[in-house]
N, C-alpha and C. Protein backbone atom coordinates (compact mmCIF):
# COMPACT_ATOMS: atom_id res chain seq x y z
N MET A 1 -0.24 73.16 21.33
CA MET A 1 -0.13 74.25 20.39
C MET A 1 0.75 73.83 19.22
N ILE A 2 0.36 74.22 18.04
CA ILE A 2 1.10 73.90 16.83
C ILE A 2 2.19 74.96 16.66
N THR A 3 3.41 74.53 16.44
CA THR A 3 4.50 75.49 16.29
C THR A 3 4.98 75.61 14.86
N THR A 4 4.55 74.71 14.00
CA THR A 4 4.93 74.80 12.59
C THR A 4 3.71 75.16 11.78
N GLU A 5 3.96 75.81 10.66
CA GLU A 5 2.87 76.19 9.78
C GLU A 5 2.76 75.21 8.63
N VAL A 6 1.57 75.11 8.08
CA VAL A 6 1.37 74.34 6.87
C VAL A 6 1.99 75.15 5.74
N THR A 7 2.85 74.52 4.97
CA THR A 7 3.59 75.20 3.91
C THR A 7 2.97 74.93 2.55
N TYR A 8 3.46 75.65 1.56
CA TYR A 8 3.02 75.38 0.18
C TYR A 8 3.43 73.98 -0.24
N GLU A 9 4.58 73.52 0.25
CA GLU A 9 5.03 72.16 -0.07
C GLU A 9 4.06 71.13 0.51
N GLU A 10 3.63 71.36 1.74
CA GLU A 10 2.69 70.43 2.36
C GLU A 10 1.34 70.49 1.65
N LEU A 11 0.91 71.69 1.29
CA LEU A 11 -0.36 71.83 0.57
C LEU A 11 -0.30 71.10 -0.77
N ALA A 12 0.81 71.22 -1.48
CA ALA A 12 0.97 70.51 -2.76
C ALA A 12 0.90 69.00 -2.55
N ALA A 13 1.53 68.50 -1.49
CA ALA A 13 1.48 67.06 -1.19
C ALA A 13 0.06 66.63 -0.84
N LEU A 14 -0.65 67.48 -0.10
CA LEU A 14 -2.04 67.16 0.25
C LEU A 14 -2.94 67.18 -0.98
N MET A 15 -2.67 68.07 -1.92
CA MET A 15 -3.45 68.11 -3.16
C MET A 15 -3.27 66.80 -3.92
N LYS A 16 -2.05 66.27 -3.91
CA LYS A 16 -1.77 64.99 -4.57
C LYS A 16 -2.46 63.85 -3.83
N GLN A 17 -2.35 63.85 -2.50
CA GLN A 17 -2.90 62.77 -1.68
C GLN A 17 -4.43 62.77 -1.68
N ALA A 18 -5.03 63.92 -1.48
CA ALA A 18 -6.48 64.00 -1.31
C ALA A 18 -7.26 64.08 -2.62
N ALA A 19 -6.62 64.66 -3.64
CA ALA A 19 -7.37 64.88 -4.88
C ALA A 19 -6.68 64.32 -6.12
N GLY A 20 -5.48 63.76 -5.94
CA GLY A 20 -4.78 63.18 -7.08
C GLY A 20 -4.25 64.21 -8.06
N ILE A 21 -4.05 65.44 -7.59
CA ILE A 21 -3.59 66.54 -8.46
C ILE A 21 -2.14 66.84 -8.13
N THR A 22 -1.29 66.76 -9.14
CA THR A 22 0.12 67.05 -8.95
C THR A 22 0.38 68.51 -9.29
N VAL A 23 0.87 69.25 -8.30
CA VAL A 23 1.20 70.66 -8.48
C VAL A 23 2.59 70.89 -7.91
N ASP A 24 3.43 71.58 -8.66
CA ASP A 24 4.75 71.93 -8.17
C ASP A 24 4.61 72.95 -7.03
N PRO A 25 5.21 72.69 -5.88
CA PRO A 25 5.07 73.62 -4.75
C PRO A 25 5.52 75.04 -5.08
N GLN A 26 6.57 75.15 -5.92
CA GLN A 26 7.05 76.48 -6.31
C GLN A 26 6.00 77.20 -7.15
N GLU A 27 5.33 76.47 -8.05
CA GLU A 27 4.27 77.06 -8.86
C GLU A 27 3.11 77.49 -7.96
N LEU A 28 2.79 76.67 -6.97
CA LEU A 28 1.72 76.98 -6.03
C LEU A 28 2.05 78.26 -5.27
N ARG A 29 3.29 78.39 -4.85
CA ARG A 29 3.73 79.59 -4.12
C ARG A 29 3.68 80.83 -5.03
N GLN A 30 4.17 80.69 -6.25
CA GLN A 30 4.21 81.82 -7.18
C GLN A 30 2.81 82.24 -7.64
N SER A 31 1.89 81.31 -7.66
CA SER A 31 0.52 81.59 -8.11
C SER A 31 -0.46 81.52 -6.94
N ALA A 32 -0.02 81.94 -5.78
CA ALA A 32 -0.81 81.79 -4.55
C ALA A 32 -2.13 82.54 -4.58
N GLU A 33 -2.26 83.53 -5.46
CA GLU A 33 -3.51 84.28 -5.56
C GLU A 33 -4.42 83.73 -6.66
N SER A 34 -3.96 82.70 -7.36
CA SER A 34 -4.79 82.08 -8.39
C SER A 34 -5.84 81.20 -7.72
N PRO A 35 -7.03 81.11 -8.30
CA PRO A 35 -8.05 80.25 -7.70
C PRO A 35 -7.64 78.78 -7.75
N PHE A 36 -8.13 78.03 -6.76
CA PHE A 36 -7.81 76.60 -6.72
C PHE A 36 -8.21 75.88 -8.00
N ASP A 37 -9.31 76.31 -8.63
CA ASP A 37 -9.74 75.60 -9.84
C ASP A 37 -8.73 75.77 -10.98
N ALA A 38 -7.88 76.79 -10.92
CA ALA A 38 -6.83 76.94 -11.93
C ALA A 38 -5.81 75.80 -11.82
N PHE A 39 -5.72 75.19 -10.65
CA PHE A 39 -4.83 74.05 -10.42
C PHE A 39 -5.57 72.72 -10.61
N GLY A 40 -6.88 72.79 -10.86
CA GLY A 40 -7.68 71.58 -11.05
C GLY A 40 -8.31 71.07 -9.77
N LEU A 41 -8.25 71.86 -8.69
CA LEU A 41 -8.80 71.43 -7.41
C LEU A 41 -10.20 72.00 -7.23
N ASP A 42 -11.17 71.12 -7.02
CA ASP A 42 -12.54 71.58 -6.78
C ASP A 42 -12.84 71.59 -5.28
N SER A 43 -14.07 71.98 -4.94
CA SER A 43 -14.44 72.10 -3.52
C SER A 43 -14.39 70.76 -2.80
N LEU A 44 -14.71 69.69 -3.49
CA LEU A 44 -14.64 68.36 -2.86
C LEU A 44 -13.19 67.99 -2.53
N GLY A 45 -12.28 68.31 -3.43
CA GLY A 45 -10.87 68.06 -3.17
C GLY A 45 -10.36 68.89 -2.00
N LEU A 46 -10.81 70.14 -1.92
CA LEU A 46 -10.40 71.00 -0.81
C LEU A 46 -10.98 70.50 0.50
N LEU A 47 -12.18 69.98 0.46
CA LEU A 47 -12.80 69.40 1.65
C LEU A 47 -11.97 68.20 2.14
N GLY A 48 -11.45 67.40 1.22
CA GLY A 48 -10.59 66.28 1.58
C GLY A 48 -9.31 66.75 2.25
N ILE A 49 -8.76 67.86 1.78
CA ILE A 49 -7.55 68.43 2.37
C ILE A 49 -7.85 68.94 3.78
N VAL A 50 -8.99 69.60 3.94
CA VAL A 50 -9.40 70.09 5.26
C VAL A 50 -9.51 68.92 6.24
N GLY A 51 -10.16 67.84 5.81
CA GLY A 51 -10.31 66.66 6.67
C GLY A 51 -8.98 66.06 7.05
N GLU A 52 -8.06 65.98 6.10
CA GLU A 52 -6.73 65.43 6.38
C GLU A 52 -5.98 66.30 7.38
N LEU A 53 -6.06 67.61 7.22
CA LEU A 53 -5.39 68.52 8.16
C LEU A 53 -6.00 68.42 9.55
N GLU A 54 -7.31 68.30 9.63
CA GLU A 54 -7.97 68.16 10.93
C GLU A 54 -7.52 66.88 11.62
N ASN A 55 -7.41 65.79 10.87
CA ASN A 55 -6.94 64.52 11.43
C ASN A 55 -5.47 64.61 11.84
N ARG A 56 -4.67 65.22 11.01
CA ARG A 56 -3.24 65.31 11.24
C ARG A 56 -2.90 66.13 12.48
N TYR A 57 -3.60 67.25 12.64
CA TYR A 57 -3.28 68.17 13.73
C TYR A 57 -4.23 68.07 14.92
N GLY A 58 -5.27 67.24 14.81
CA GLY A 58 -6.21 67.08 15.90
C GLY A 58 -6.93 68.35 16.27
N ALA A 59 -7.18 69.19 15.28
CA ALA A 59 -7.84 70.46 15.51
C ALA A 59 -8.91 70.66 14.45
N SER A 60 -10.02 71.25 14.84
CA SER A 60 -11.09 71.56 13.88
C SER A 60 -10.77 72.87 13.19
N LEU A 61 -10.96 72.87 11.89
CA LEU A 61 -10.79 74.10 11.13
C LEU A 61 -12.16 74.77 10.97
N PRO A 62 -12.17 76.08 10.75
CA PRO A 62 -13.44 76.78 10.60
C PRO A 62 -14.28 76.20 9.46
N PRO A 63 -15.61 76.26 9.58
CA PRO A 63 -16.48 75.70 8.54
C PRO A 63 -16.25 76.31 7.16
N ASP A 64 -15.76 77.54 7.11
CA ASP A 64 -15.55 78.17 5.82
C ASP A 64 -14.19 77.84 5.19
N SER A 65 -13.42 76.94 5.81
CA SER A 65 -12.11 76.56 5.27
C SER A 65 -12.21 76.04 3.85
N GLU A 66 -13.23 75.22 3.60
CA GLU A 66 -13.35 74.64 2.25
C GLU A 66 -13.91 75.63 1.23
N ARG A 67 -14.24 76.83 1.69
CA ARG A 67 -14.73 77.86 0.76
C ARG A 67 -13.63 78.82 0.32
N CYS A 68 -12.42 78.64 0.84
CA CYS A 68 -11.31 79.50 0.44
C CYS A 68 -11.10 79.35 -1.06
N ARG A 69 -10.79 80.46 -1.71
CA ARG A 69 -10.67 80.44 -3.15
C ARG A 69 -9.23 80.29 -3.66
N THR A 70 -8.26 80.69 -2.85
CA THR A 70 -6.88 80.64 -3.31
C THR A 70 -5.99 79.92 -2.29
N PRO A 71 -4.84 79.42 -2.75
CA PRO A 71 -3.91 78.79 -1.80
C PRO A 71 -3.50 79.73 -0.67
N ARG A 72 -3.22 80.99 -0.99
CA ARG A 72 -2.79 81.92 0.06
C ARG A 72 -3.88 82.13 1.10
N GLU A 73 -5.12 82.33 0.64
CA GLU A 73 -6.25 82.51 1.56
C GLU A 73 -6.41 81.28 2.45
N PHE A 74 -6.30 80.10 1.85
CA PHE A 74 -6.45 78.85 2.60
C PHE A 74 -5.35 78.69 3.64
N LEU A 75 -4.10 78.88 3.23
CA LEU A 75 -2.99 78.71 4.17
C LEU A 75 -3.04 79.75 5.29
N ASN A 76 -3.42 80.97 4.97
CA ASN A 76 -3.54 82.00 6.02
C ASN A 76 -4.58 81.59 7.05
N LEU A 77 -5.72 81.11 6.59
CA LEU A 77 -6.79 80.70 7.50
C LEU A 77 -6.37 79.48 8.32
N VAL A 78 -5.82 78.48 7.66
CA VAL A 78 -5.41 77.25 8.35
C VAL A 78 -4.33 77.55 9.38
N ASN A 79 -3.31 78.28 8.98
CA ASN A 79 -2.20 78.55 9.90
C ASN A 79 -2.62 79.44 11.06
N SER A 80 -3.47 80.42 10.82
CA SER A 80 -3.91 81.25 11.94
C SER A 80 -4.77 80.44 12.91
N THR A 81 -5.56 79.51 12.39
CA THR A 81 -6.39 78.66 13.24
C THR A 81 -5.52 77.69 14.05
N LEU A 82 -4.57 77.05 13.38
CA LEU A 82 -3.72 76.08 14.07
C LEU A 82 -2.83 76.73 15.11
N THR A 83 -2.27 77.89 14.81
CA THR A 83 -1.38 78.54 15.77
C THR A 83 -2.15 79.15 16.93
N ALA A 84 -3.45 79.41 16.72
CA ALA A 84 -4.27 79.95 17.81
C ALA A 84 -4.68 78.83 18.78
N GLY A 85 -4.39 77.58 18.39
CA GLY A 85 -4.71 76.46 19.27
C GLY A 85 -6.16 76.03 19.17
N ALA A 86 -6.79 76.34 18.03
CA ALA A 86 -8.21 75.98 17.84
C ALA A 86 -8.39 74.49 17.77
């Protein structure tokens, strides 16, 4: 079971690693309802983040993970899936 949640800081680092997009974690947190494309992240970049999280945590995320539109929606889905032991 996962006891820690994926944070905005981790998401920002993953955006840099998977898509080459630098985003300040504080800006990501403050604009959590903004669409990912406002940060320059497209669906392919989000798919790369999903894959990295699945590898990192050894858990499959729901198929609709890469369809999340905002950072908050994505983190809520990822964290609820990981903490549920999926």
